[in-house]
C-alpha atoms as a PDB file:
ATOM      1  CA  MET A   1      -7.884  98.871-203.918  1.00  0.00           C
ATOM      2  CA  SER A   2      -6.851 101.573-202.074  1.00  0.00           C
ATOM      3  CA  ILE A   3      -2.605 102.272-201.671  1.00  0.00           C
ATOM      4  CA  VAL A   4      -3.441 103.130-197.217  1.00  0.00           C
ATOM      5  CA  VAL A   5      -4.607  99.273-197.232  1.00  0.00           C
ATOM      6  CA  THR A   6      -1.096  98.286-198.467  1.00  0.00           C
ATOM      7  CA  TYR A   7       0.663 100.786-196.624  1.00  0.00           C
ATOM      8  CA  VAL A   8      -1.077  99.340-193.308  1.00  0.00           C
ATOM      9  CA  ALA A   9      -0.485  95.828-193.993  1.00  0.00           C
ATOM     10  CA  TYR A  10       3.325  96.873-194.199  1.00  0.00           C
ATOM     11  CA  LEU A  11       3.360  98.678-191.406  1.00  0.00           C
ATOM     12  CA  LEU A  12       1.813  95.415-189.571  1.00  0.00           C
ATOM     13  CA  ILE A  13       3.393  92.495-191.402  1.00  0.00           C
ATOM     14  CA  SER A  14       6.943  94.749-190.839  1.00  0.00           C
ATOM     15  CA  ILE A  15       6.590  95.753-186.991  1.00  0.00           C
ATOM     16  CA  GLY A  16       4.762  92.026-185.936  1.00  0.00           C
ATOM     17  CA  LEU A  17       8.424  90.778-187.896  1.00  0.00           C
ATOM     18  CA  THR A  18      10.309  93.135-186.338  1.00  0.00           C
ATOM     19  CA  ALA A  19       9.141  92.787-182.732  1.00  0.00           C
ATOM     20  CA  LEU A  20       9.438  89.436-183.013  1.00  0.00           C
ATOM     21  CA  VAL A  21      13.170  89.305-184.266  1.00  0.00           C
ATOM     22  CA  GLY A  22      14.125  91.775-181.694  1.00  0.00           C
ATOM     23  CA  GLN A  23      12.706  89.513-178.875  1.00  0.00           C
ATOM     24  CA  VAL A  24      14.507  86.359-180.223  1.00  0.00           C
ATOM     25  CA  LEU A  25      17.489  88.841-180.025  1.00  0.00           C
ATOM     26  CA  SER A  26      16.896  89.943-176.821  1.00  0.00           C
ATOM     27  CA  ARG A  27      16.633  86.465-174.974  1.00  0.00           C
ATOM     28  CA  SER A  28      19.073  85.082-176.721  1.00  0.00           C
ATOM     29  CA  GLY A  29      21.802  87.390-176.871  1.00  0.00           C
ATOM     30  CA  ARG A  30      21.015  87.629-172.864  1.00  0.00           C
ATOM     31  CA  LEU A  31      21.840  84.567-172.330  1.00  0.00           C
ATOM     32  CA  PHE A  32      25.242  84.543-174.489  1.00  0.00           C
ATOM     33  CA  LEU A  33      26.385  87.688-173.151  1.00  0.00           C
ATOM     34  CA  LEU A  34      25.513  86.057-169.032  1.00  0.00           C
ATOM     35  CA  ASP A  35      28.844  83.542-170.236  1.00  0.00           C
ATOM     36  CA  ALA A  36      30.610  86.918-171.967  1.00  0.00           C
ATOM     37  CA  VAL A  37      30.008  88.453-168.647  1.00  0.00           C
ATOM     38  CA  GLY A  38      30.490  86.443-166.253  1.00  0.00           C
ATOM     39  CA  GLY A  39      26.941  85.976-164.958  1.00  0.00           C
ATOM     40  CA  SER A  40      26.396  89.633-164.410  1.00  0.00           C
ATOM     41  CA  ASP A  41      23.145  89.446-165.191  1.00  0.00           C
ATOM     42  CA  SER A  42      22.837  93.222-165.101  1.00  0.00           C
ATOM     43  CA  ALA A  43      25.771  93.777-166.783  1.00  0.00           C
ATOM     44  CA  ALA A  44      24.495  90.826-169.359  1.00  0.00           C
ATOM     45  CA  LYS A  45      20.441  92.543-169.590  1.00  0.00           C
ATOM     46  CA  GLY A  46      22.014  96.289-170.356  1.00  0.00           C
ATOM     47  CA  ILE A  47      23.956  95.525-172.765  1.00  0.00           C
ATOM     48  CA  SER A  48      21.718  93.083-174.629  1.00  0.00           C
ATOM     49  CA  THR A  49      19.288  95.981-174.211  1.00  0.00           C
ATOM     50  CA  LEU A  50      21.475  98.418-176.129  1.00  0.00           C
ATOM     51  CA  ILE A  51      21.905  96.134-178.789  1.00  0.00           C
ATOM     52  CA  VAL A  52      18.036  94.809-179.155  1.00  0.00           C
ATOM     53  CA  VAL A  53      17.109  98.767-179.072  1.00  0.00           C
ATOM     54  CA  CYS A  54      20.142  99.349-181.651  1.00  0.00           C
ATOM     55  CA  PHE A  55      18.035  97.000-183.642  1.00  0.00           C
ATOM     56  CA  TYR A  56      14.594  98.355-183.792  1.00  0.00           C
ATOM     57  CA  LEU A  57      15.425 101.508-184.418  1.00  0.00           C
ATOM     58  CA  ILE A  58      17.518 100.650-187.500  1.00  0.00           C
ATOM     59  CA  SER A  59      14.333  98.060-188.458  1.00  0.00           C
ATOM     60  CA  GLY A  60      11.992 101.080-188.348  1.00  0.00           C
ATOM     61  CA  GLY A  61      13.752 103.653-190.074  1.00  0.00           C
ATOM     62  CA  PHE A  62      14.369 100.762-192.762  1.00  0.00           C
ATOM     63  CA  ILE A  63      10.312 100.053-192.558  1.00  0.00           C
ATOM     64  CA  VAL A  64       9.396 104.119-192.560  1.00  0.00           C
ATOM     65  CA  LEU A  65      11.688 105.070-195.010  1.00  0.00           C
ATOM     66  CA  THR A  66      10.741 102.040-197.811  1.00  0.00           C
ATOM     67  CA  MET A  67       6.979 102.574-197.045  1.00  0.00           C
ATOM     68  CA  ARG A  68       6.331 104.681-199.686  1.00  0.00           C
ATOM     69  CA  ILE A  69       4.876 103.542-202.669  1.00  0.00           C
ATOM     70  CA  SER A  70       4.855 106.404-206.128  1.00  0.00           C
ATOM     71  CA  ALA A  71       1.101 105.023-207.367  1.00  0.00           C
ATOM     72  CA  ASP A  72      -2.224 106.450-206.184  1.00  0.00           C
ATOM     73  CA  SER A  73      -3.982 102.844-206.233  1.00  0.00           C
ATOM     74  CA  VAL A  74      -3.392  99.741-207.284  1.00  0.00           C
ATOM     75  CA  THR A  75      -4.791  96.468-208.466  1.00  0.00           C
ATOM     76  CA  ALA A  76      -5.099  93.277-205.943  1.00  0.00           C
ATOM     77  CA  ARG A  77      -2.543  91.665-207.499  1.00  0.00           C
ATOM     78  CA  GLN A  78      -0.124  94.835-207.777  1.00  0.00           C
ATOM     79  CA  ALA A  79      -0.911  95.063-204.511  1.00  0.00           C
ATOM     80  CA  ILE A  80       0.414  91.819-202.952  1.00  0.00           C
ATOM     81  CA  GLN A  81       2.852  91.742-205.469  1.00  0.00           C
ATOM     82  CA  LEU A  82       4.327  94.975-203.692  1.00  0.00           C
ATOM     83  CA  LEU A  83       3.758  93.710-200.164  1.00  0.00           C
ATOM     84  CA  ALA A  84       5.581  90.653-200.889  1.00  0.00           C
ATOM     85  CA  THR A  85       8.747  92.932-202.758  1.00  0.00           C
ATOM     86  CA  LYS A  86       8.536  95.233-199.371  1.00  0.00           C
ATOM     87  CA  ILE A  87       8.585  91.963-196.897  1.00  0.00           C
ATOM     88  CA  GLY A  88      11.037  90.335-198.753  1.00  0.00           C
ATOM     89  CA  GLU A  89      12.826  94.214-198.315  1.00  0.00           C
ATOM     90  CA  VAL A  90      12.180  93.725-194.674  1.00  0.00           C
ATOM     91  CA  LEU A  91      13.008  90.296-194.174  1.00  0.00           C
ATOM     92  CA  LEU A  92      16.574  90.659-195.525  1.00  0.00           C
ATOM     93  CA  LEU A  93      17.113  93.541-193.463  1.00  0.00           C
ATOM     94  CA  LEU A  94      16.286  91.469-190.206  1.00  0.00           C
ATOM     95  CA  GLY A  95      18.350  88.858-191.301  1.00  0.00           C
ATOM     96  CA  ALA A  96      21.462  90.616-191.636  1.00  0.00           C
ATOM     97  CA  GLU A  97      20.789  92.666-188.811  1.00  0.00           C
ATOM     98  CA  TYR A  98      20.170  89.567-186.337  1.00  0.00           C
ATOM     99  CA  LEU A  99      23.271  87.985-188.243  1.00  0.00           C
ATOM    100  CA  ALA A 100      25.614  91.755-187.441  1.00  0.00           C
ATOM    101  CA  GLY A 101      24.422  91.035-183.311  1.00  0.00           C
ATOM    102  CA  ILE A 102      25.167  87.461-183.567  1.00  0.00           C
ATOM    103  CA  ILE A 103      28.769  88.565-184.717  1.00  0.00           C
ATOM    104  CA  THR A 104      29.410  91.183-182.013  1.00  0.00           C
ATOM    105  CA  LEU A 105      28.103  88.667-179.328  1.00  0.00           C
ATOM    106  CA  THR A 106      30.235  86.773-180.303  1.00  0.00           C
ATOM    107  CA  ARG A 107      33.563  89.622-180.741  1.00  0.00           C
ATOM    108  CA  MET A 108      32.043  90.675-177.920  1.00  0.00           C
ATOM    109  CA  ARG A 109      32.554  87.418-175.775  1.00  0.00           C
ATOM    110  CA  ARG A 110      35.840  86.084-176.964  1.00  0.00           C
ATOM    111  CA  ARG A 111      37.424  89.843-176.274  1.00  0.00           C
ATOM    112  CA  LEU A 112      36.458  89.793-172.617  1.00  0.00           C
ATOM    113  CA  ARG A 113      37.432  85.319-172.500  1.00  0.00           C
ATOM    114  CA  THR A 114      40.544  87.314-173.302  1.00  0.00           C
ATOM    115  CA  LEU A 115      41.029  90.276-170.986  1.00  0.00           C
ATOM    116  CA  SER A 116      39.848  87.991-168.053  1.00  0.00           C
ATOM    117  CA  ALA A 117      42.479  85.326-168.666  1.00  0.00           C
ATOM    118  CA  ALA A 118      45.488  87.993-169.369  1.00  0.00           C
ATOM    119  CA  ASP A 119      44.478  90.130-166.380  1.00  0.00           C
ATOM    120  CA  ALA A 120      44.550  85.766-164.488  1.00  0.00           C
ATOM    121  CA  ALA A 121      47.827  85.554-165.728  1.00  0.00           C
ATOM    122  CA  ALA A 122      49.244  88.964-165.136  1.00  0.00           C
ATOM    123  CA  ARG A 123      48.227  88.642-161.273  1.00  0.00           C
ATOM    124  CA  PRO A 124      51.018  87.969-158.569  1.00  0.00           C
ATOM    125  CA  GLU A 125      50.437  85.563-156.412  1.00  0.00           C
ATOM    126  CA  PRO A 126      49.845  86.182-152.753  1.00  0.00           C
ATOM    127  CA  ALA A 127      52.490  86.082-150.512  1.00  0.00           C
ATOM    128  CA  ARG A 128      51.962  83.566-148.250  1.00  0.00           C
ATOM    129  CA  ILE A 129      54.324  81.839-145.028  1.00  0.00           C
ATOM    130  CA  PRO A 130      56.295  79.187-146.146  1.00  0.00           C
ATOM    131  CA  GLY A 131      55.818  75.221-146.079  1.00  0.00           C
ATOM    132  CA  SER A 132      51.867  76.991-144.648  1.00  0.00           C
ATOM    133  CA  ALA A 133      49.594  75.371-147.134  1.00  0.00           C
ATOM    134  CA  PRO A 134      46.859  77.532-148.770  1.00  0.00           C
ATOM    135  CA  PRO A 135      43.860  79.504-147.031  1.00  0.00           C
ATOM    136  CA  ALA A 136      40.585  77.113-147.356  1.00  0.00           C
ATOM    137  CA  GLY A 137      38.816  77.220-150.558  1.00  0.00           C
ATOM    138  CA  LEU A 138      41.899  78.942-152.564  1.00  0.00           C
ATOM    139  CA  THR A 139      43.286  77.261-155.377  1.00  0.00           C
ATOM    140  CA  PRO A 140      47.572  77.740-155.779  1.00  0.00           C
ATOM    141  CA  ALA A 141      46.978  80.756-157.335  1.00  0.00           C
ATOM    142  CA  GLY A 142      45.000  82.249-155.172  1.00  0.00           C
ATOM    143  CA  LEU A 143      41.841  82.276-157.018  1.00  0.00           C
ATOM    144  CA  THR A 144      38.480  80.502-155.309  1.00  0.00           C
ATOM    145  CA  PRO A 145      37.436  78.305-158.495  1.00  0.00           C
ATOM    146  CA  ALA A 146      35.043  80.523-159.432  1.00  0.00           C
ATOM    147  CA  GLY A 147      37.463  83.453-160.572  1.00  0.00           C
ATOM    148  CA  LEU A 148      37.528  85.977-158.203  1.00  0.00           C
ATOM    149  CA  THR A 149      39.966  86.954-155.820  1.00  0.00           C
ATOM    150  CA  PRO A 150      39.622  86.023-151.591  1.00  0.00           C
ATOM    151  CA  ALA A 151      38.531  89.561-151.587  1.00  0.00           C
ATOM    152  CA  GLY A 152      35.686  89.071-154.150  1.00  0.00           C
ATOM    153  CA  LEU A 153      36.866  91.299-156.233  1.00  0.00           C
ATOM    154  CA  THR A 154      37.121  90.983-160.253  1.00  0.00           C
ATOM    155  CA  PRO A 155      40.995  91.013-162.185  1.00  0.00           C
ATOM    156  CA  ALA A 156      39.481  94.816-162.880  1.00  0.00           C
ATOM    157  CA  GLY A 157      38.974  95.445-159.183  1.00  0.00           C
ATOM    158  CA  LEU A 158      35.571  95.257-159.503  1.00  0.00           C
ATOM    159  CA  TRP A 159      33.143  93.441-157.315  1.00  0.00           C
ATOM    160  CA  ARG A 160      31.014  90.495-158.239  1.00  0.00           C
ATOM    161  CA  PRO A 161      29.043  87.779-157.459  1.00  0.00           C
ATOM    162  CA  ALA A 162      30.142  84.328-158.316  1.00  0.00           C
ATOM    163  CA  LYS A 163      28.883  82.104-159.903  1.00  0.00           C
ATOM    164  CA  LYS A 164      25.559  80.540-159.418  1.00  0.00           C
ATOM    165  CA  GLN A 165      25.555  76.194-159.247  1.00  0.00           C
ATOM    166  CA  ALA A 166      23.537  74.883-161.730  1.00  0.00           C
ATOM    167  CA  VAL A 167      21.179  72.654-159.903  1.00  0.00           C
ATOM    168  CA  GLN A 168      20.823  69.132-160.275  1.00  0.00           C
END
């Protein structure tokens, strides 16, 4: 059996598995990030794209580097064993990368929530006329229920649209 057939099979299976896992990481990571960045779809999409591109580059590099085989020709049995070993290596790498991606997203989510909570706690309450009620739609701390200031600014001073409410 030609070694070229083994190379082609390895590349097709490895690239297919990498693309499949990358799509799952992109989809699930984007939803996770959407929650972490307070509903900003463009921020979640951008961060998710950066993580997925990194995932593809590392996976592609590994696939290409491990493709080389020392033999010129192999038997059918050797080809299947070799292919199984190489695909097993790729699966282990993909699993480790996916786990690393989830851990990174979890840490990022915690950090963003901690920063958001710290900014909200450090923000002074707006001045009011004694005896007057707070403006309509605002909590006593001067925040809207969505966590935005009346001017639509986040704690960092950047405009962000309000969170979309789920329709039931």
